């Protein structure tokens, strides 16, 4: 199935210089460390859920901060928001060159903090197989 361009968020973010390779490598490292750790499946699921929720909140906070104020007032004054309005808000936020830089910097900083926390909790960087 082909999706409209406005729904391909990862493509649009990469268009604005978000370094997906660095992000993917850091995320994969964290997930692999958790997968290979001696934690219970329940504990692992909790870490994955927290990681997902935390990144979701971080990204939305940054996107909302970069939506032009007049557009934000317009959409928040409505009781419902269409998919087109949703996509338009994301596009407007991403048109600001500072948005992708801030997204990259803040997500990488957060992933580094998570990585350090895993180390502090005794989950090694490299686990011998």
C-alpha atoms as a PDB file:
ATOM      1  CA  UNK A   1       0.000   0.000   0.000  1.00  0.00           C
ATOM      2  CA  UNK A   2       1.283   3.431  -0.899  1.00  0.00           C
ATOM      3  CA  UNK A   3       0.887   6.111   1.752  1.00  0.00           C
ATOM      4  CA  UNK A   4       0.591   9.807   0.975  1.00  0.00           C
ATOM      5  CA  UNK A   5       3.847  11.693   1.386  1.00  0.00           C
ATOM      6  CA  UNK A   6       2.472  13.699   4.326  1.00  0.00           C
ATOM      7  CA  UNK A   7       2.079  10.506   6.356  1.00  0.00           C
ATOM      8  CA  UNK A   8       5.662   9.376   5.892  1.00  0.00           C
ATOM      9  CA  UNK A   9       7.050  11.087   8.974  1.00  0.00           C
ATOM     10  CA  UNK A  10      10.410   9.315   8.971  1.00  0.00           C
ATOM     11  CA  UNK A  11      11.001  10.381   5.375  1.00  0.00           C
ATOM     12  CA  UNK A  12      10.053  13.940   6.151  1.00  0.00           C
ATOM     13  CA  UNK A  13      12.270  14.089   9.222  1.00  0.00           C
ATOM     14  CA  UNK A  14      15.230  12.763   7.243  1.00  0.00           C
ATOM     15  CA  UNK A  15      14.581  15.474   4.662  1.00  0.00           C
ATOM     16  CA  UNK A  16      15.322  17.970   7.415  1.00  0.00           C
ATOM     17  CA  UNK A  17      18.708  16.478   8.399  1.00  0.00           C
ATOM     18  CA  UNK A  18      17.646  14.301  11.310  1.00  0.00           C
ATOM     19  CA  UNK A  19      20.461  11.752  11.512  1.00  0.00           C
ATOM     20  CA  UNK A  20      18.462   8.520  11.472  1.00  0.00           C
ATOM     21  CA  UNK A  21      21.580   6.326  11.327  1.00  0.00           C
ATOM     22  CA  UNK A  22      22.890   7.646  14.640  1.00  0.00           C
ATOM     23  CA  UNK A  23      19.437   7.458  16.195  1.00  0.00           C
ATOM     24  CA  UNK A  24      18.869   3.911  14.936  1.00  0.00           C
ATOM     25  CA  UNK A  25      22.276   2.735  16.183  1.00  0.00           C
ATOM     26  CA  UNK A  26      21.738   4.200  19.661  1.00  0.00           C
ATOM     27  CA  UNK A  27      18.211   2.782  19.897  1.00  0.00           C
ATOM     28  CA  UNK A  28      19.325  -0.643  18.643  1.00  0.00           C
ATOM     29  CA  UNK A  29      22.145  -0.692  21.195  1.00  0.00           C
ATOM     30  CA  UNK A  30      19.738  -0.006  24.062  1.00  0.00           C
ATOM     31  CA  UNK A  31      17.193  -2.562  22.873  1.00  0.00           C
ATOM     32  CA  UNK A  32      19.889  -5.209  22.348  1.00  0.00           C
ATOM     33  CA  UNK A  33      21.355  -4.583  25.809  1.00  0.00           C
ATOM     34  CA  UNK A  34      17.931  -4.987  27.381  1.00  0.00           C
ATOM     35  CA  UNK A  35      17.106  -8.084  25.290  1.00  0.00           C
ATOM     36  CA  UNK A  36      20.329  -9.820  26.271  1.00  0.00           C
ATOM     37  CA  UNK A  37      20.150  -8.803  29.933  1.00  0.00           C
ATOM     38  CA  UNK A  38      19.135 -11.180  32.719  1.00  0.00           C
ATOM     39  CA  UNK A  39      16.062  -9.059  33.459  1.00  0.00           C
ATOM     40  CA  UNK A  40      12.689 -10.774  33.512  1.00  0.00           C
ATOM     41  CA  UNK A  41      10.450 -10.445  30.461  1.00  0.00           C
ATOM     42  CA  UNK A  42       8.154  -8.218  32.516  1.00  0.00           C
ATOM     43  CA  UNK A  43      11.034  -5.895  33.432  1.00  0.00           C
ATOM     44  CA  UNK A  44      12.180  -5.782  29.814  1.00  0.00           C
ATOM     45  CA  UNK A  45       8.656  -4.949  28.646  1.00  0.00           C
ATOM     46  CA  UNK A  46       8.540  -2.142  31.212  1.00  0.00           C
ATOM     47  CA  UNK A  47      11.803  -0.682  29.922  1.00  0.00           C
ATOM     48  CA  UNK A  48      10.599  -0.851  26.312  1.00  0.00           C
ATOM     49  CA  UNK A  49       7.321   0.839  27.262  1.00  0.00           C
ATOM     50  CA  UNK A  50       9.114   3.613  29.152  1.00  0.00           C
ATOM     51  CA  UNK A  51      11.530   4.135  26.265  1.00  0.00           C
ATOM     52  CA  UNK A  52       8.689   4.382  23.770  1.00  0.00           C
ATOM     53  CA  UNK A  53       6.594   6.689  25.928  1.00  0.00           C
ATOM     54  CA  UNK A  54       9.552   8.885  26.804  1.00  0.00           C
ATOM     55  CA  UNK A  55      10.601   9.352  23.183  1.00  0.00           C
ATOM     56  CA  UNK A  56       7.008   9.976  22.155  1.00  0.00           C
ATOM     57  CA  UNK A  57       6.627  12.721  24.771  1.00  0.00           C
ATOM     58  CA  UNK A  58       9.994  14.232  23.906  1.00  0.00           C
ATOM     59  CA  UNK A  59       9.299  14.404  20.168  1.00  0.00           C
ATOM     60  CA  UNK A  60       5.816  15.850  20.622  1.00  0.00           C
ATOM     61  CA  UNK A  61       7.044  18.457  23.066  1.00  0.00           C
ATOM     62  CA  UNK A  62       9.611  19.641  20.534  1.00  0.00           C
ATOM     63  CA  UNK A  63       7.190  19.544  17.580  1.00  0.00           C
ATOM     64  CA  UNK A  64       4.513  21.477  19.451  1.00  0.00           C
ATOM     65  CA  UNK A  65       7.079  24.090  20.493  1.00  0.00           C
ATOM     66  CA  UNK A  66       7.876  24.690  16.811  1.00  0.00           C
ATOM     67  CA  UNK A  67       4.330  24.860  15.439  1.00  0.00           C
ATOM     68  CA  UNK A  68       3.634  28.521  14.597  1.00  0.00           C
ATOM     69  CA  UNK A  69       1.531  30.091  17.351  1.00  0.00           C
ATOM     70  CA  UNK A  70      -1.336  31.090  15.055  1.00  0.00           C
ATOM     71  CA  UNK A  71      -1.640  27.529  13.708  1.00  0.00           C
ATOM     72  CA  UNK A  72      -1.505  26.077  17.200  1.00  0.00           C
ATOM     73  CA  UNK A  73      -4.302  28.414  18.344  1.00  0.00           C
ATOM     74  CA  UNK A  74      -6.358  27.465  15.298  1.00  0.00           C
ATOM     75  CA  UNK A  75      -6.170  23.721  15.861  1.00  0.00           C
ATOM     76  CA  UNK A  76      -6.543  23.847  19.628  1.00  0.00           C
ATOM     77  CA  UNK A  77      -9.714  25.912  19.314  1.00  0.00           C
ATOM     78  CA  UNK A  78     -11.396  23.050  17.451  1.00  0.00           C
ATOM     79  CA  UNK A  79     -12.997  20.019  19.064  1.00  0.00           C
ATOM     80  CA  UNK A  80     -11.610  17.638  16.415  1.00  0.00           C
ATOM     81  CA  UNK A  81      -8.515  17.608  14.281  1.00  0.00           C
ATOM     82  CA  UNK A  82      -8.342  16.016  10.833  1.00  0.00           C
ATOM     83  CA  UNK A  83      -5.431  13.918   9.612  1.00  0.00           C
ATOM     84  CA  UNK A  84      -4.617  16.678   7.122  1.00  0.00           C
ATOM     85  CA  UNK A  85      -4.479  19.266   9.927  1.00  0.00           C
ATOM     86  CA  UNK A  86      -2.322  16.938  11.990  1.00  0.00           C
ATOM     87  CA  UNK A  87       0.092  16.418   9.085  1.00  0.00           C
ATOM     88  CA  UNK A  88       0.100  20.157   8.343  1.00  0.00           C
ATOM     89  CA  UNK A  89       1.104  20.935  11.931  1.00  0.00           C
ATOM     90  CA  UNK A  90       3.983  18.467  11.717  1.00  0.00           C
ATOM     91  CA  UNK A  91       5.078  19.903   8.361  1.00  0.00           C
ATOM     92  CA  UNK A  92       4.989  23.445   9.686  1.00  0.00           C
ATOM     93  CA  UNK A  93       7.072  22.471  12.707  1.00  0.00           C
ATOM     94  CA  UNK A  94       9.595  20.623  10.531  1.00  0.00           C
ATOM     95  CA  UNK A  95       9.965  23.546   8.135  1.00  0.00           C
ATOM     96  CA  UNK A  96      11.765  25.357  10.931  1.00  0.00           C
ATOM     97  CA  UNK A  97      15.418  24.245  10.547  1.00  0.00           C
ATOM     98  CA  UNK A  98      15.869  24.349  14.312  1.00  0.00           C
ATOM     99  CA  UNK A  99      13.254  21.630  14.805  1.00  0.00           C
ATOM    100  CA  UNK A 100      15.224  18.746  13.300  1.00  0.00           C
ATOM    101  CA  UNK A 101      18.390  19.886  15.057  1.00  0.00           C
ATOM    102  CA  UNK A 102      16.596  20.050  18.392  1.00  0.00           C
ATOM    103  CA  UNK A 103      14.876  16.700  17.742  1.00  0.00           C
ATOM    104  CA  UNK A 104      18.199  15.065  16.999  1.00  0.00           C
ATOM    105  CA  UNK A 105      20.081  16.685  19.871  1.00  0.00           C
ATOM    106  CA  UNK A 106      17.428  16.014  22.495  1.00  0.00           C
ATOM    107  CA  UNK A 107      16.679  12.435  21.429  1.00  0.00           C
ATOM    108  CA  UNK A 108      20.376  11.573  21.296  1.00  0.00           C
ATOM    109  CA  UNK A 109      20.919  13.171  24.701  1.00  0.00           C
ATOM    110  CA  UNK A 110      18.015  11.158  26.099  1.00  0.00           C
ATOM    111  CA  UNK A 111      19.290   7.925  24.552  1.00  0.00           C
ATOM    112  CA  UNK A 112      22.746   8.589  26.027  1.00  0.00           C
ATOM    113  CA  UNK A 113      21.162   9.108  29.452  1.00  0.00           C
ATOM    114  CA  UNK A 114      19.250   5.823  29.091  1.00  0.00           C
ATOM    115  CA  UNK A 115      22.425   4.066  28.014  1.00  0.00           C
ATOM    116  CA  UNK A 116      24.251   5.409  31.095  1.00  0.00           C
ATOM    117  CA  UNK A 117      21.364   4.368  33.333  1.00  0.00           C
ATOM    118  CA  UNK A 118      21.507   0.808  31.965  1.00  0.00           C
ATOM    119  CA  UNK A 119      25.233   0.723  32.753  1.00  0.00           C
ATOM    120  CA  UNK A 120      24.590   2.082  36.245  1.00  0.00           C
ATOM    121  CA  UNK A 121      21.961  -0.657  36.748  1.00  0.00           C
ATOM    122  CA  UNK A 122      24.578  -3.299  35.852  1.00  0.00           C
ATOM    123  CA  UNK A 123      23.490  -4.057  32.284  1.00  0.00           C
ATOM    124  CA  UNK A 124      26.784  -4.293  30.369  1.00  0.00           C
ATOM    125  CA  UNK A 125      27.498  -2.685  27.009  1.00  0.00           C
ATOM    126  CA  UNK A 126      28.751  -5.893  25.454  1.00  0.00           C
ATOM    127  CA  UNK A 127      27.332  -9.158  26.600  1.00  0.00           C
ATOM    128  CA  UNK A 128      29.318 -12.262  25.734  1.00  0.00           C
ATOM    129  CA  UNK A 129      27.222 -14.829  23.881  1.00  0.00           C
END
